[in-house]
C-alpha atoms as a PDB file:
ATOM      1  CA  UNK A   1     -14.314  68.272   0.590  1.00  0.00           C
ATOM      2  CA  UNK A   2     -14.475  67.031   4.204  1.00  0.00           C
ATOM      3  CA  UNK A   3     -11.332  65.355   5.523  1.00  0.00           C
ATOM      4  CA  UNK A   4     -11.548  62.929   8.427  1.00  0.00           C
ATOM      5  CA  UNK A   5      -8.476  61.424  10.059  1.00  0.00           C
ATOM      6  CA  UNK A   6      -8.447  57.835  11.275  1.00  0.00           C
ATOM      7  CA  UNK A   7      -5.948  58.409  14.081  1.00  0.00           C
ATOM      8  CA  UNK A   8      -3.598  55.601  15.064  1.00  0.00           C
ATOM      9  CA  UNK A   9      -3.993  52.614  12.748  1.00  0.00           C
ATOM     10  CA  UNK A  10      -3.007  49.325  14.372  1.00  0.00           C
ATOM     11  CA  UNK A  11      -4.822  46.578  12.466  1.00  0.00           C
ATOM     12  CA  UNK A  12      -5.715  46.310   8.793  1.00  0.00           C
ATOM     13  CA  UNK A  13      -7.579  43.525   7.024  1.00  0.00           C
ATOM     14  CA  UNK A  14      -7.257  43.080   3.257  1.00  0.00           C
ATOM     15  CA  UNK A  15      -9.244  40.597   1.167  1.00  0.00           C
ATOM     16  CA  UNK A  16      -8.899  39.693  -2.493  1.00  0.00           C
ATOM     17  CA  UNK A  17     -10.309  37.107  -4.856  1.00  0.00           C
ATOM     18  CA  UNK A  18      -7.058  36.902  -6.820  1.00  0.00           C
ATOM     19  CA  UNK A  19      -3.417  37.561  -6.142  1.00  0.00           C
ATOM     20  CA  UNK A  20      -2.831  41.221  -7.160  1.00  0.00           C
ATOM     21  CA  UNK A  21      -6.406  42.403  -6.365  1.00  0.00           C
ATOM     22  CA  UNK A  22      -5.375  43.921  -3.040  1.00  0.00           C
ATOM     23  CA  UNK A  23      -2.307  45.599  -4.505  1.00  0.00           C
ATOM     24  CA  UNK A  24      -4.220  47.027  -7.466  1.00  0.00           C
ATOM     25  CA  UNK A  25      -7.224  48.168  -5.449  1.00  0.00           C
ATOM     26  CA  UNK A  26      -5.635  49.404  -2.240  1.00  0.00           C
ATOM     27  CA  UNK A  27      -1.863  49.122  -2.628  1.00  0.00           C
ATOM     28  CA  UNK A  28      -1.221  52.833  -2.292  1.00  0.00           C
ATOM     29  CA  UNK A  29      -3.350  53.185   0.823  1.00  0.00           C
ATOM     30  CA  UNK A  30      -1.736  50.108   2.363  1.00  0.00           C
ATOM     31  CA  UNK A  31       1.739  51.448   1.694  1.00  0.00           C
ATOM     32  CA  UNK A  32       0.913  54.893   3.083  1.00  0.00           C
ATOM     33  CA  UNK A  33      -0.684  53.450   6.237  1.00  0.00           C
ATOM     34  CA  UNK A  34       2.142  51.013   6.962  1.00  0.00           C
ATOM     35  CA  UNK A  35       4.804  53.642   6.352  1.00  0.00           C
ATOM     36  CA  UNK A  36       3.054  56.050   8.710  1.00  0.00           C
ATOM     37  CA  UNK A  37       2.325  53.463  11.416  1.00  0.00           C
ATOM     38  CA  UNK A  38       5.311  51.133  11.941  1.00  0.00           C
ATOM     39  CA  UNK A  39       4.333  47.792  13.424  1.00  0.00           C
ATOM     40  CA  UNK A  40       0.783  47.810  12.061  1.00  0.00           C
ATOM     41  CA  UNK A  41      -0.727  44.343  11.777  1.00  0.00           C
ATOM     42  CA  UNK A  42      -1.945  43.390   8.286  1.00  0.00           C
ATOM     43  CA  UNK A  43      -4.111  40.272   8.043  1.00  0.00           C
ATOM     44  CA  UNK A  44      -4.888  39.272   4.467  1.00  0.00           C
ATOM     45  CA  UNK A  45      -6.830  36.613   2.593  1.00  0.00           C
ATOM     46  CA  UNK A  46      -6.789  35.707  -1.104  1.00  0.00           C
ATOM     47  CA  UNK A  47      -9.199  33.063  -2.365  1.00  0.00           C
ATOM     48  CA  UNK A  48      -7.277  31.768  -5.393  1.00  0.00           C
ATOM     49  CA  UNK A  49      -3.704  31.050  -6.476  1.00  0.00           C
ATOM     50  CA  UNK A  50      -2.512  29.039  -3.494  1.00  0.00           C
ATOM     51  CA  UNK A  51       0.493  26.828  -4.160  1.00  0.00           C
ATOM     52  CA  UNK A  52       1.330  28.523  -7.473  1.00  0.00           C
ATOM     53  CA  UNK A  53       3.679  31.264  -8.637  1.00  0.00           C
ATOM     54  CA  UNK A  54       0.818  33.665  -8.001  1.00  0.00           C
ATOM     55  CA  UNK A  55       1.060  33.047  -4.257  1.00  0.00           C
ATOM     56  CA  UNK A  56       4.803  33.710  -4.376  1.00  0.00           C
ATOM     57  CA  UNK A  57       4.131  36.971  -6.196  1.00  0.00           C
ATOM     58  CA  UNK A  58       1.486  37.982  -3.674  1.00  0.00           C
ATOM     59  CA  UNK A  59       3.690  37.392  -0.655  1.00  0.00           C
ATOM     60  CA  UNK A  60       6.528  39.400  -2.158  1.00  0.00           C
ATOM     61  CA  UNK A  61       4.242  42.241  -3.204  1.00  0.00           C
ATOM     62  CA  UNK A  62       2.539  42.550   0.190  1.00  0.00           C
ATOM     63  CA  UNK A  63       5.929  42.574   1.902  1.00  0.00           C
ATOM     64  CA  UNK A  64       6.970  45.461  -0.352  1.00  0.00           C
ATOM     65  CA  UNK A  65       3.699  47.360   0.145  1.00  0.00           C
ATOM     66  CA  UNK A  66       3.607  46.898   3.922  1.00  0.00           C
ATOM     67  CA  UNK A  67       7.047  48.021   5.180  1.00  0.00           C
ATOM     68  CA  UNK A  68       7.579  47.335   8.849  1.00  0.00           C
ATOM     69  CA  UNK A  69       4.205  45.601   9.199  1.00  0.00           C
ATOM     70  CA  UNK A  70       3.375  42.275  10.795  1.00  0.00           C
ATOM     71  CA  UNK A  71       1.849  40.386   7.860  1.00  0.00           C
ATOM     72  CA  UNK A  72      -0.420  37.344   8.159  1.00  0.00           C
ATOM     73  CA  UNK A  73      -1.387  36.183   4.654  1.00  0.00           C
ATOM     74  CA  UNK A  74      -3.500  33.171   3.664  1.00  0.00           C
ATOM     75  CA  UNK A  75      -3.820  32.195  -0.023  1.00  0.00           C
ATOM     76  CA  UNK A  76      -6.431  29.538  -0.798  1.00  0.00           C
ATOM     77  CA  UNK A  77      -6.742  27.242  -3.804  1.00  0.00           C
ATOM     78  CA  UNK A  78     -10.314  27.946  -4.935  1.00  0.00           C
ATOM     79  CA  UNK A  79     -10.765  27.860  -8.735  1.00  0.00           C
ATOM     80  CA  UNK A  80     -10.285  31.205 -10.461  1.00  0.00           C
ATOM     81  CA  UNK A  81     -13.535  32.407 -12.005  1.00  0.00           C
ATOM     82  CA  UNK A  82     -15.703  29.910 -10.150  1.00  0.00           C
ATOM     83  CA  UNK A  83     -15.551  30.929  -6.509  1.00  0.00           C
ATOM     84  CA  UNK A  84     -19.345  31.463  -6.224  1.00  0.00           C
ATOM     85  CA  UNK A  85     -19.682  27.692  -6.635  1.00  0.00           C
ATOM     86  CA  UNK A  86     -17.532  27.367  -3.501  1.00  0.00           C
ATOM     87  CA  UNK A  87     -19.605  29.686  -1.323  1.00  0.00           C
ATOM     88  CA  UNK A  88     -19.251  27.579   1.844  1.00  0.00           C
ATOM     89  CA  UNK A  89     -15.463  27.476   1.650  1.00  0.00           C
ATOM     90  CA  UNK A  90     -15.253  31.182   0.904  1.00  0.00           C
ATOM     91  CA  UNK A  91     -17.600  32.126   3.752  1.00  0.00           C
ATOM     92  CA  UNK A  92     -15.690  29.908   6.195  1.00  0.00           C
ATOM     93  CA  UNK A  93     -12.395  31.483   5.103  1.00  0.00           C
ATOM     94  CA  UNK A  94     -13.741  34.994   5.693  1.00  0.00           C
ATOM     95  CA  UNK A  95     -15.008  33.970   9.140  1.00  0.00           C
ATOM     96  CA  UNK A  96     -11.622  32.499  10.021  1.00  0.00           C
ATOM     97  CA  UNK A  97      -9.993  35.687   8.775  1.00  0.00           C
ATOM     98  CA  UNK A  98     -12.050  37.769  11.195  1.00  0.00           C
ATOM     99  CA  UNK A  99     -11.129  35.469  14.075  1.00  0.00           C
ATOM    100  CA  UNK A 100      -7.428  35.881  13.261  1.00  0.00           C
ATOM    101  CA  UNK A 101      -7.643  39.604  12.690  1.00  0.00           C
ATOM    102  CA  UNK A 102      -9.776  40.547  15.677  1.00  0.00           C
ATOM    103  CA  UNK A 103      -7.922  38.737  18.449  1.00  0.00           C
ATOM    104  CA  UNK A 104      -8.365  41.127  21.348  1.00  0.00           C
ATOM    105  CA  UNK A 105      -9.228  44.173  19.218  1.00  0.00           C
ATOM    106  CA  UNK A 106     -11.273  44.948  16.100  1.00  0.00           C
ATOM    107  CA  UNK A 107      -9.444  45.834  12.925  1.00  0.00           C
ATOM    108  CA  UNK A 108      -9.397  49.547  12.123  1.00  0.00           C
ATOM    109  CA  UNK A 109     -10.230  49.110   8.433  1.00  0.00           C
ATOM    110  CA  UNK A 110     -11.105  46.286   6.037  1.00  0.00           C
ATOM    111  CA  UNK A 111     -10.181  46.537   2.349  1.00  0.00           C
ATOM    112  CA  UNK A 112     -12.301  44.317   0.077  1.00  0.00           C
ATOM    113  CA  UNK A 113     -13.833  44.335  -3.418  1.00  0.00           C
ATOM    114  CA  UNK A 114     -16.795  46.666  -3.882  1.00  0.00           C
ATOM    115  CA  UNK A 115     -20.387  45.453  -4.467  1.00  0.00           C
ATOM    116  CA  UNK A 116     -20.558  47.030  -7.918  1.00  0.00           C
ATOM    117  CA  UNK A 117     -17.648  44.976  -9.282  1.00  0.00           C
ATOM    118  CA  UNK A 118     -18.757  42.988 -12.338  1.00  0.00           C
ATOM    119  CA  UNK A 119     -16.350  40.079 -11.798  1.00  0.00           C
ATOM    120  CA  UNK A 120     -18.175  37.211 -10.110  1.00  0.00           C
ATOM    121  CA  UNK A 121     -15.256  36.324  -7.804  1.00  0.00           C
ATOM    122  CA  UNK A 122     -14.913  39.930  -6.637  1.00  0.00           C
ATOM    123  CA  UNK A 123     -18.662  40.307  -6.188  1.00  0.00           C
ATOM    124  CA  UNK A 124     -18.849  37.216  -3.988  1.00  0.00           C
ATOM    125  CA  UNK A 125     -16.320  38.683  -1.572  1.00  0.00           C
ATOM    126  CA  UNK A 126     -18.048  42.055  -1.675  1.00  0.00           C
ATOM    127  CA  UNK A 127     -21.176  40.303  -0.406  1.00  0.00           C
ATOM    128  CA  UNK A 128     -19.490  38.086   2.177  1.00  0.00           C
ATOM    129  CA  UNK A 129     -17.151  40.549   3.867  1.00  0.00           C
ATOM    130  CA  UNK A 130     -19.817  42.962   5.248  1.00  0.00           C
ATOM    131  CA  UNK A 131     -21.817  39.962   6.501  1.00  0.00           C
ATOM    132  CA  UNK A 132     -18.870  38.819   8.607  1.00  0.00           C
ATOM    133  CA  UNK A 133     -17.171  42.131   9.442  1.00  0.00           C
ATOM    134  CA  UNK A 134     -20.349  43.817  10.678  1.00  0.00           C
ATOM    135  CA  UNK A 135     -18.703  46.139  13.200  1.00  0.00           C
ATOM    136  CA  UNK A 136     -15.923  47.381  10.951  1.00  0.00           C
ATOM    137  CA  UNK A 137     -15.220  50.076   8.421  1.00  0.00           C
ATOM    138  CA  UNK A 138     -15.298  48.124   5.145  1.00  0.00           C
ATOM    139  CA  UNK A 139     -13.865  49.979   2.140  1.00  0.00           C
ATOM    140  CA  UNK A 140     -14.624  48.483  -1.269  1.00  0.00           C
ATOM    141  CA  UNK A 141     -11.729  49.069  -3.649  1.00  0.00           C
ATOM    142  CA  UNK A 142     -11.741  49.482  -7.430  1.00  0.00           C
ATOM    143  CA  UNK A 143     -10.066  47.329 -10.077  1.00  0.00           C
ATOM    144  CA  UNK A 144      -9.958  48.777 -13.580  1.00  0.00           C
ATOM    145  CA  UNK A 145     -10.828  46.217 -16.289  1.00  0.00           C
ATOM    146  CA  UNK A 146     -12.699  45.748 -19.545  1.00  0.00           C
ATOM    147  CA  UNK A 147     -16.090  45.332 -17.819  1.00  0.00           C
ATOM    148  CA  UNK A 148     -16.414  49.098 -17.437  1.00  0.00           C
ATOM    149  CA  UNK A 149     -17.808  48.779 -13.935  1.00  0.00           C
ATOM    150  CA  UNK A 150     -16.215  51.820 -12.311  1.00  0.00           C
ATOM    151  CA  UNK A 151     -18.847  53.781 -10.430  1.00  0.00           C
ATOM    152  CA  UNK A 152     -19.046  56.828  -8.176  1.00  0.00           C
ATOM    153  CA  UNK A 153     -17.088  56.106  -4.990  1.00  0.00           C
ATOM    154  CA  UNK A 154     -17.793  57.991  -1.785  1.00  0.00           C
ATOM    155  CA  UNK A 155     -14.460  57.723   0.051  1.00  0.00           C
ATOM    156  CA  UNK A 156     -11.073  58.907  -1.201  1.00  0.00           C
ATOM    157  CA  UNK A 157      -7.560  58.392   0.103  1.00  0.00           C
ATOM    158  CA  UNK A 158      -5.136  60.925  -1.424  1.00  0.00           C
ATOM    159  CA  UNK A 159      -1.775  59.483  -2.459  1.00  0.00           C
ATOM    160  CA  UNK A 160       1.473  61.420  -2.488  1.00  0.00           C
ATOM    161  CA  UNK A 161       3.289  61.223  -5.818  1.00  0.00           C
ATOM    162  CA  UNK A 162       5.955  58.880  -4.446  1.00  0.00           C
ATOM    163  CA  UNK A 163       3.297  56.590  -2.961  1.00  0.00           C
ATOM    164  CA  UNK A 164       1.415  56.323  -6.254  1.00  0.00           C
ATOM    165  CA  UNK A 165       4.657  55.574  -8.075  1.00  0.00           C
ATOM    166  CA  UNK A 166       5.732  53.033  -5.456  1.00  0.00           C
ATOM    167  CA  UNK A 167       2.456  51.169  -5.915  1.00  0.00           C
ATOM    168  CA  UNK A 168       2.964  50.951  -9.672  1.00  0.00           C
ATOM    169  CA  UNK A 169       6.593  49.904  -9.280  1.00  0.00           C
ATOM    170  CA  UNK A 170       5.581  47.079  -6.926  1.00  0.00           C
ATOM    171  CA  UNK A 171       2.911  45.874  -9.345  1.00  0.00           C
ATOM    172  CA  UNK A 172       5.410  45.670 -12.191  1.00  0.00           C
ATOM    173  CA  UNK A 173       8.192  44.190 -10.106  1.00  0.00           C
ATOM    174  CA  UNK A 174       6.275  41.454  -8.328  1.00  0.00           C
ATOM    175  CA  UNK A 175       3.475  40.386 -10.671  1.00  0.00           C
ATOM    176  CA  UNK A 176       5.454  39.196 -13.673  1.00  0.00           C
ATOM    177  CA  UNK A 177       2.728  36.690 -14.553  1.00  0.00           C
ATOM    178  CA  UNK A 178       0.320  39.550 -15.293  1.00  0.00           C
ATOM    179  CA  UNK A 179       2.491  41.800 -17.453  1.00  0.00           C
ATOM    180  CA  UNK A 180       1.013  40.438 -20.695  1.00  0.00           C
ATOM    181  CA  UNK A 181      -2.480  41.614 -19.833  1.00  0.00           C
ATOM    182  CA  UNK A 182      -3.640  44.684 -21.806  1.00  0.00           C
ATOM    183  CA  UNK A 183      -4.790  46.584 -18.705  1.00  0.00           C
ATOM    184  CA  UNK A 184      -1.618  45.949 -16.694  1.00  0.00           C
ATOM    185  CA  UNK A 185       0.359  49.147 -17.337  1.00  0.00           C
ATOM    186  CA  UNK A 186       1.305  52.505 -15.872  1.00  0.00           C
ATOM    187  CA  UNK A 187      -1.317  54.412 -17.839  1.00  0.00           C
ATOM    188  CA  UNK A 188      -4.162  52.315 -16.435  1.00  0.00           C
ATOM    189  CA  UNK A 189      -3.009  52.397 -12.818  1.00  0.00           C
ATOM    190  CA  UNK A 190      -1.876  56.011 -12.677  1.00  0.00           C
ATOM    191  CA  UNK A 191      -4.703  57.148 -14.966  1.00  0.00           C
ATOM    192  CA  UNK A 192      -7.396  55.960 -12.574  1.00  0.00           C
ATOM    193  CA  UNK A 193      -5.452  57.368  -9.615  1.00  0.00           C
ATOM    194  CA  UNK A 194      -5.219  60.714 -11.419  1.00  0.00           C
ATOM    195  CA  UNK A 195      -8.966  60.807 -12.116  1.00  0.00           C
ATOM    196  CA  UNK A 196      -9.786  59.985  -8.505  1.00  0.00           C
ATOM    197  CA  UNK A 197      -7.274  62.621  -7.449  1.00  0.00           C
ATOM    198  CA  UNK A 198      -9.068  65.247  -9.508  1.00  0.00           C
ATOM    199  CA  UNK A 199     -12.346  64.262  -7.863  1.00  0.00           C
ATOM    200  CA  UNK A 200     -10.949  64.819  -4.369  1.00  0.00           C
ATOM    201  CA  UNK A 201      -8.839  67.872  -5.265  1.00  0.00           C
ATOM    202  CA  UNK A 202      -5.412  66.300  -5.134  1.00  0.00           C
ATOM    203  CA  UNK A 203      -3.085  64.785  -7.732  1.00  0.00           C
ATOM    204  CA  UNK A 204      -3.479  61.064  -7.071  1.00  0.00           C
ATOM    205  CA  UNK A 205      -5.899  59.073  -4.951  1.00  0.00           C
ATOM    206  CA  UNK A 206      -7.435  55.672  -4.424  1.00  0.00           C
ATOM    207  CA  UNK A 207     -11.206  55.612  -4.095  1.00  0.00           C
ATOM    208  CA  UNK A 208     -13.504  53.272  -2.207  1.00  0.00           C
ATOM    209  CA  UNK A 209     -17.162  52.385  -1.861  1.00  0.00           C
ATOM    210  CA  UNK A 210     -18.735  51.982   1.556  1.00  0.00           C
ATOM    211  CA  UNK A 211     -22.244  51.458   2.891  1.00  0.00           C
ATOM    212  CA  UNK A 212     -22.004  52.181   6.616  1.00  0.00           C
ATOM    213  CA  UNK A 213     -19.738  54.623   8.427  1.00  0.00           C
ATOM    214  CA  UNK A 214     -20.029  55.563  12.102  1.00  0.00           C
ATOM    215  CA  UNK A 215     -18.576  58.935  13.045  1.00  0.00           C
ATOM    216  CA  UNK A 216     -17.166  59.991  16.394  1.00  0.00           C
ATOM    217  CA  UNK A 217     -16.745  63.746  16.271  1.00  0.00           C
ATOM    218  CA  UNK A 218     -15.812  63.990  19.939  1.00  0.00           C
ATOM    219  CA  UNK A 219     -13.004  61.440  20.261  1.00  0.00           C
END
């Protein structure tokens, strides 16, 4: 297992199709990064849920997951489940996100859905984000669901026990509208984190898919 350190993290971009996608897919990594790097700038975009209780939930959850961070969150009002029919609006939103995030300096990492995700809204973003963020490290996160689309990720971020638990606590505390869903429980969230932890020789981890990584072994 080869471990590479990112160094000082100053700017993070996070993209989700739905409110709670970012928290479920990368909430532990976000929390760990923001806790370790006070003042980090987090620029986020969610395509659906704007103007509803879901947006309120998302803002509260990101505040909890990004302690001490400067958060810039945009939640759009595209129709849930039909975002591919709004390709132009979605592409424009991702372009605007890059302009906001990269003022003066490229983001250090971009969290987005992964290309193997079976949900059409997630898959659209997985296609759009690398087209726009061409010079960035794009990490495609996982969302456990009934589609059975979990694959073999290449990148792992180990999570301390308290970080994994904090992520789950935030999900339960701030996404009340989702508690009725059969996959929204501790066993699902911690179970996947435990499996990914086993794969990278730690207890808990979040895992990501990526297509292009540039290494600097001298810096």
